C-alpha atoms as a PDB file:
ATOM      1  CA  MET A   1       1.843 -15.833  24.507  1.00  0.00           C
ATOM      2  CA  VAL A   2       5.355 -14.419  24.523  1.00  0.00           C
ATOM      3  CA  ILE A   3       7.286 -12.271  22.074  1.00  0.00           C
ATOM      4  CA  THR A   4       9.861 -14.325  20.177  1.00  0.00           C
ATOM      5  CA  HIS A   5      11.257 -11.777  17.687  1.00  0.00           C
ATOM      6  CA  VAL A   6      11.123  -8.055  17.038  1.00  0.00           C
ATOM      7  CA  ASP A   7      12.352  -7.229  13.544  1.00  0.00           C
ATOM      8  CA  PRO A   8      12.642  -3.792  11.935  1.00  0.00           C
ATOM      9  CA  HIS A   9      10.409  -3.265   8.892  1.00  0.00           C
ATOM     10  CA  ARG A  10      10.041  -0.336   6.522  1.00  0.00           C
ATOM     11  CA  LEU A  11       6.646   0.386   8.096  1.00  0.00           C
ATOM     12  CA  GLY A  12       7.794   0.013  11.708  1.00  0.00           C
ATOM     13  CA  TRP A  13       8.478  -3.205  13.613  1.00  0.00           C
ATOM     14  CA  VAL A  14       7.236  -6.749  13.103  1.00  0.00           C
ATOM     15  CA  ILE A  15       6.617  -8.642  16.327  1.00  0.00           C
ATOM     16  CA  SER A  16       6.426 -12.438  16.264  1.00  0.00           C
ATOM     17  CA  SER A  17       4.888 -14.325  19.154  1.00  0.00           C
ATOM     18  CA  GLN A  18       4.357 -17.917  20.204  1.00  0.00           C
ATOM     19  CA  SER A  19       2.972 -19.802  23.176  1.00  0.00           C
ATOM     20  CA  GLU A  20       5.172 -19.705  26.243  1.00  0.00           C
ATOM     21  CA  ARG A  21       4.927 -23.461  26.588  1.00  0.00           C
ATOM     22  CA  TYR A  22       6.220 -24.058  23.036  1.00  0.00           C
ATOM     23  CA  VAL A  23       9.137 -21.690  23.616  1.00  0.00           C
ATOM     24  CA  ARG A  24      10.077 -23.693  26.734  1.00  0.00           C
ATOM     25  CA  THR A  25       9.511 -27.233  25.419  1.00  0.00           C
ATOM     26  CA  GLY A  26       9.871 -27.004  21.645  1.00  0.00           C
ATOM     27  CA  ALA A  27       7.112 -29.632  21.338  1.00  0.00           C
ATOM     28  CA  PHE A  28       4.933 -29.131  18.267  1.00  0.00           C
ATOM     29  CA  ILE A  29       1.833 -30.014  20.270  1.00  0.00           C
ATOM     30  CA  ASP A  30       2.346 -26.781  22.214  1.00  0.00           C
ATOM     31  CA  MET A  31       2.756 -24.572  19.123  1.00  0.00           C
ATOM     32  CA  VAL A  32       0.153 -21.940  18.255  1.00  0.00           C
ATOM     33  CA  VAL A  33      -0.426 -22.027  14.483  1.00  0.00           C
ATOM     34  CA  GLY A  34      -2.332 -19.802  12.079  1.00  0.00           C
ATOM     35  CA  GLN A  35      -1.566 -16.548  13.834  1.00  0.00           C
ATOM     36  CA  GLY A  36       0.338 -13.917  11.933  1.00  0.00           C
ATOM     37  CA  PRO A  37       2.775 -11.398  13.318  1.00  0.00           C
ATOM     38  CA  PHE A  38       1.921  -7.974  14.698  1.00  0.00           C
ATOM     39  CA  LEU A  39       3.016  -4.721  13.108  1.00  0.00           C
ATOM     40  CA  VAL A  40       3.766  -1.679  15.234  1.00  0.00           C
ATOM     41  CA  ASP A  41       3.420   1.292  12.901  1.00  0.00           C
ATOM     42  CA  GLY A  42       6.584   3.376  13.031  1.00  0.00           C
ATOM     43  CA  ALA A  43       4.683   6.563  12.175  1.00  0.00           C
ATOM     44  CA  ASP A  44       2.115   6.586  14.975  1.00  0.00           C
ATOM     45  CA  GLY A  45       2.728   3.534  17.183  1.00  0.00           C
ATOM     46  CA  SER A  46      -0.599   1.877  16.370  1.00  0.00           C
ATOM     47  CA  LEU A  47      -0.729  -1.905  16.572  1.00  0.00           C
ATOM     48  CA  HIS A  48      -1.974  -4.109  13.708  1.00  0.00           C
ATOM     49  CA  MET A  49      -2.306  -7.871  13.374  1.00  0.00           C
ATOM     50  CA  VAL A  50      -1.024  -9.088   9.998  1.00  0.00           C
ATOM     51  CA  HIS A  51      -2.444 -12.197   8.315  1.00  0.00           C
ATOM     52  CA  ALA A  52      -0.234 -15.290   8.615  1.00  0.00           C
ATOM     53  CA  THR A  53      -0.011 -15.791   4.828  1.00  0.00           C
ATOM     54  CA  VAL A  54       1.353 -12.328   4.016  1.00  0.00           C
ATOM     55  CA  ASP A  55       4.787 -11.839   2.475  1.00  0.00           C
ATOM     56  CA  LEU A  56       6.011  -9.144   4.851  1.00  0.00           C
ATOM     57  CA  GLU A  57       8.695  -7.651   2.600  1.00  0.00           C
ATOM     58  CA  THR A  58       7.331  -7.609  -0.947  1.00  0.00           C
ATOM     59  CA  GLY A  59       3.607  -8.161  -0.617  1.00  0.00           C
ATOM     60  CA  GLY A  60       1.087  -5.920  -2.358  1.00  0.00           C
ATOM     61  CA  TRP A  61      -0.486  -5.392   1.040  1.00  0.00           C
ATOM     62  CA  ILE A  62       2.074  -2.668   1.782  1.00  0.00           C
ATOM     63  CA  GLU A  63       0.567  -0.253  -0.781  1.00  0.00           C
ATOM     64  CA  ASP A  64      -2.928  -1.018   0.521  1.00  0.00           C
ATOM     65  CA  TYR A  65      -1.739  -0.404   4.085  1.00  0.00           C
ATOM     66  CA  LEU A  66      -0.089   2.908   3.197  1.00  0.00           C
ATOM     67  CA  GLU A  67      -3.226   4.070   1.414  1.00  0.00           C
ATOM     68  CA  GLN A  68      -5.856   2.864   3.881  1.00  0.00           C
ATOM     69  CA  VAL A  69      -4.084   3.314   7.211  1.00  0.00           C
ATOM     70  CA  ARG A  70      -1.678   6.191   6.628  1.00  0.00           C
ATOM     71  CA  GLY A  71      -3.786   7.969   3.999  1.00  0.00           C
ATOM     72  CA  LEU A  72      -1.024   8.186   1.384  1.00  0.00           C
ATOM     73  CA  ASP A  73      -1.856   8.247  -2.316  1.00  0.00           C
ATOM     74  CA  ARG A  74      -0.773   5.291  -4.401  1.00  0.00           C
ATOM     75  CA  VAL A  75       1.983   5.830  -6.911  1.00  0.00           C
ATOM     76  CA  ASP A  76       0.299   6.161 -10.308  1.00  0.00           C
ATOM     77  CA  PRO A  77       2.570   4.441 -12.859  1.00  0.00           C
ATOM     78  CA  LEU A  78       0.580   5.965 -15.731  1.00  0.00           C
ATOM     79  CA  ARG A  79       1.171   9.468 -14.411  1.00  0.00           C
ATOM     80  CA  SER A  80       4.887   8.793 -13.999  1.00  0.00           C
ATOM     81  CA  ARG A  81       5.196   7.546 -17.583  1.00  0.00           C
ATOM     82  CA  VAL A  82       3.133  10.461 -18.938  1.00  0.00           C
ATOM     83  CA  ALA A  83       5.368  12.939 -17.111  1.00  0.00           C
ATOM     84  CA  GLU A  84       8.459  11.268 -18.625  1.00  0.00           C
ATOM     85  CA  LEU A  85       7.001  11.512 -22.129  1.00  0.00           C
ATOM     86  CA  VAL A  86       6.015  15.163 -21.688  1.00  0.00           C
ATOM     87  CA  ASP A  87       9.476  15.996 -20.314  1.00  0.00           C
ATOM     88  CA  SER A  88      11.045  14.504 -23.444  1.00  0.00           C
ATOM     89  CA  ASP A  89       8.742  16.521 -25.741  1.00  0.00           C
ATOM     90  CA  GLN A  90       6.545  13.559 -26.667  1.00  0.00           C
ATOM     91  CA  ARG A  91       3.179  15.020 -25.658  1.00  0.00           C
ATOM     92  CA  LEU A  92       1.334  13.267 -28.504  1.00  0.00           C
ATOM     93  CA  ASP A  93       2.720   9.899 -27.352  1.00  0.00           C
ATOM     94  CA  ALA A  94       1.613  10.762 -23.811  1.00  0.00           C
ATOM     95  CA  LEU A  95      -1.925  11.435 -25.070  1.00  0.00           C
ATOM     96  CA  ARG A  96      -1.931   8.137 -26.967  1.00  0.00           C
ATOM     97  CA  LEU A  97      -0.753   6.291 -23.870  1.00  0.00           C
ATOM     98  CA  VAL A  98      -3.503   7.799 -21.728  1.00  0.00           C
ATOM     99  CA  ARG A  99      -6.166   7.033 -24.360  1.00  0.00           C
ATOM    100  CA  ALA A 100      -4.967   3.418 -24.584  1.00  0.00           C
ATOM    101  CA  SER A 101      -4.761   2.990 -20.790  1.00  0.00           C
ATOM    102  CA  ALA A 102      -8.063   4.699 -19.979  1.00  0.00           C
ATOM    103  CA  PRO A 103     -10.403   4.510 -22.986  1.00  0.00           C
ATOM    104  CA  ASP A 104     -13.349   5.855 -20.945  1.00  0.00           C
ATOM    105  CA  LEU A 105     -11.657   9.253 -20.636  1.00  0.00           C
ATOM    106  CA  GLY A 106     -12.086  10.306 -24.240  1.00  0.00           C
ATOM    107  CA  ALA A 107      -9.911  12.885 -25.962  1.00  0.00           C
ATOM    108  CA  GLN A 108     -10.771  15.808 -23.679  1.00  0.00           C
ATOM    109  CA  GLY A 109     -10.240  13.789 -20.475  1.00  0.00           C
ATOM    110  CA  ALA A 110      -6.916  12.455 -21.767  1.00  0.00           C
ATOM    111  CA  LYS A 111      -5.820  16.005 -22.551  1.00  0.00           C
ATOM    112  CA  GLN A 112      -6.764  17.168 -19.038  1.00  0.00           C
ATOM    113  CA  TYR A 113      -4.871  14.230 -17.529  1.00  0.00           C
ATOM    114  CA  VAL A 114      -1.717  14.969 -19.570  1.00  0.00           C
ATOM    115  CA  GLU A 115      -1.881  18.701 -18.772  1.00  0.00           C
ATOM    116  CA  ALA A 116      -2.238  17.986 -15.037  1.00  0.00           C
ATOM    117  CA  ALA A 117       0.688  15.545 -15.106  1.00  0.00           C
ATOM    118  CA  ALA A 118       2.826  18.019 -17.076  1.00  0.00           C
ATOM    119  CA  ALA A 119       2.080  20.819 -14.611  1.00  0.00           C
ATOM    120  CA  GLY A 120       2.594  18.601 -11.547  1.00  0.00           C
ATOM    121  CA  MET A 121      -0.977  19.311 -10.471  1.00  0.00           C
ATOM    122  CA  PRO A 122      -3.584  16.862  -9.187  1.00  0.00           C
ATOM    123  CA  VAL A 123      -5.800  15.284 -11.824  1.00  0.00           C
ATOM    124  CA  PRO A 124      -9.271  16.912 -11.872  1.00  0.00           C
ATOM    125  CA  GLU A 125     -11.849  14.870  -9.960  1.00  0.00           C
ATOM    126  CA  GLU A 126     -14.123  14.377 -12.978  1.00  0.00           C
ATOM    127  CA  VAL A 127     -11.162  12.844 -14.841  1.00  0.00           C
ATOM    128  CA  ARG A 128      -9.987  10.785 -11.856  1.00  0.00           C
ATOM    129  CA  ALA A 129     -13.459   9.257 -11.501  1.00  0.00           C
ATOM    130  CA  ARG A 130     -13.218   7.796 -15.034  1.00  0.00           C
ATOM    131  CA  LEU A 131      -9.756   6.270 -14.627  1.00  0.00           C
ATOM    132  CA  PRO A 132      -9.546   2.475 -14.318  1.00  0.00           C
ATOM    133  CA  ARG A 133      -9.269   1.351 -10.726  1.00  0.00           C
ATOM    134  CA  SER A 134      -6.980  -1.345  -9.412  1.00  0.00           C
ATOM    135  CA  PRO A 135      -8.805  -4.379  -8.043  1.00  0.00           C
ATOM    136  CA  VAL A 136      -9.629  -4.285  -4.348  1.00  0.00           C
ATOM    137  CA  ARG A 137      -7.586  -6.852  -2.519  1.00  0.00           C
ATOM    138  CA  ARG A 138      -8.654  -8.673   0.572  1.00  0.00           C
ATOM    139  CA  ARG A 139      -7.711  -7.051   3.817  1.00  0.00           C
ATOM    140  CA  VAL A 140      -4.679  -8.675   5.385  1.00  0.00           C
ATOM    141  CA  TRP A 141      -4.281  -6.659   8.603  1.00  0.00           C
ATOM    142  CA  TRP A 142      -6.516  -5.563  11.449  1.00  0.00           C
ATOM    143  CA  ARG A 143      -6.071  -2.482  13.616  1.00  0.00           C
ATOM    144  CA  LEU A 144      -5.769  -3.436  17.267  1.00  0.00           C
ATOM    145  CA  SER A 145      -5.044   0.006  18.702  1.00  0.00           C
ATOM    146  CA  GLU A 146      -5.276   3.647  17.799  1.00  0.00           C
ATOM    147  CA  PRO A 147      -2.181   5.829  17.426  1.00  0.00           C
ATOM    148  CA  ASN A 148      -0.289   6.437  20.630  1.00  0.00           C
ATOM    149  CA  PRO A 149      -0.848   9.857  22.208  1.00  0.00           C
ATOM    150  CA  GLN A 150       1.949  12.379  21.968  1.00  0.00           C
ATOM    151  CA  PRO A 151       4.236  12.409  25.051  1.00  0.00           C
END
């Protein structure tokens, strides 16, 4: 296998590879198929194999990667909208939105959620546990190395 392309990506670098024989001959019989590119994480230098079917630029896998590999929290669109409503003095509409989006919270949980969003504080754990969860997607990358040690 040889490296054929190294492209910058918002997460680091995407490395494409192919068989050396195919690169020399161009004959389809020599082509390696079904293998996705590699991702070198720009934050820590770790190496990950990405599934061949992934859309590298716009795929939903990027949010999963940021959450599971880098440990970043997902952007909560409900929280963003609630904060906008509270900022424009529409607290009652914010409560209604939370109740409609997360009916399991109840009135008290919705109030706690809105107050936390208004104050810029984390949502209490007992409220967070009752929020609807996004569906778990299939894993589309595999860690091949740990982060590189500091020089």
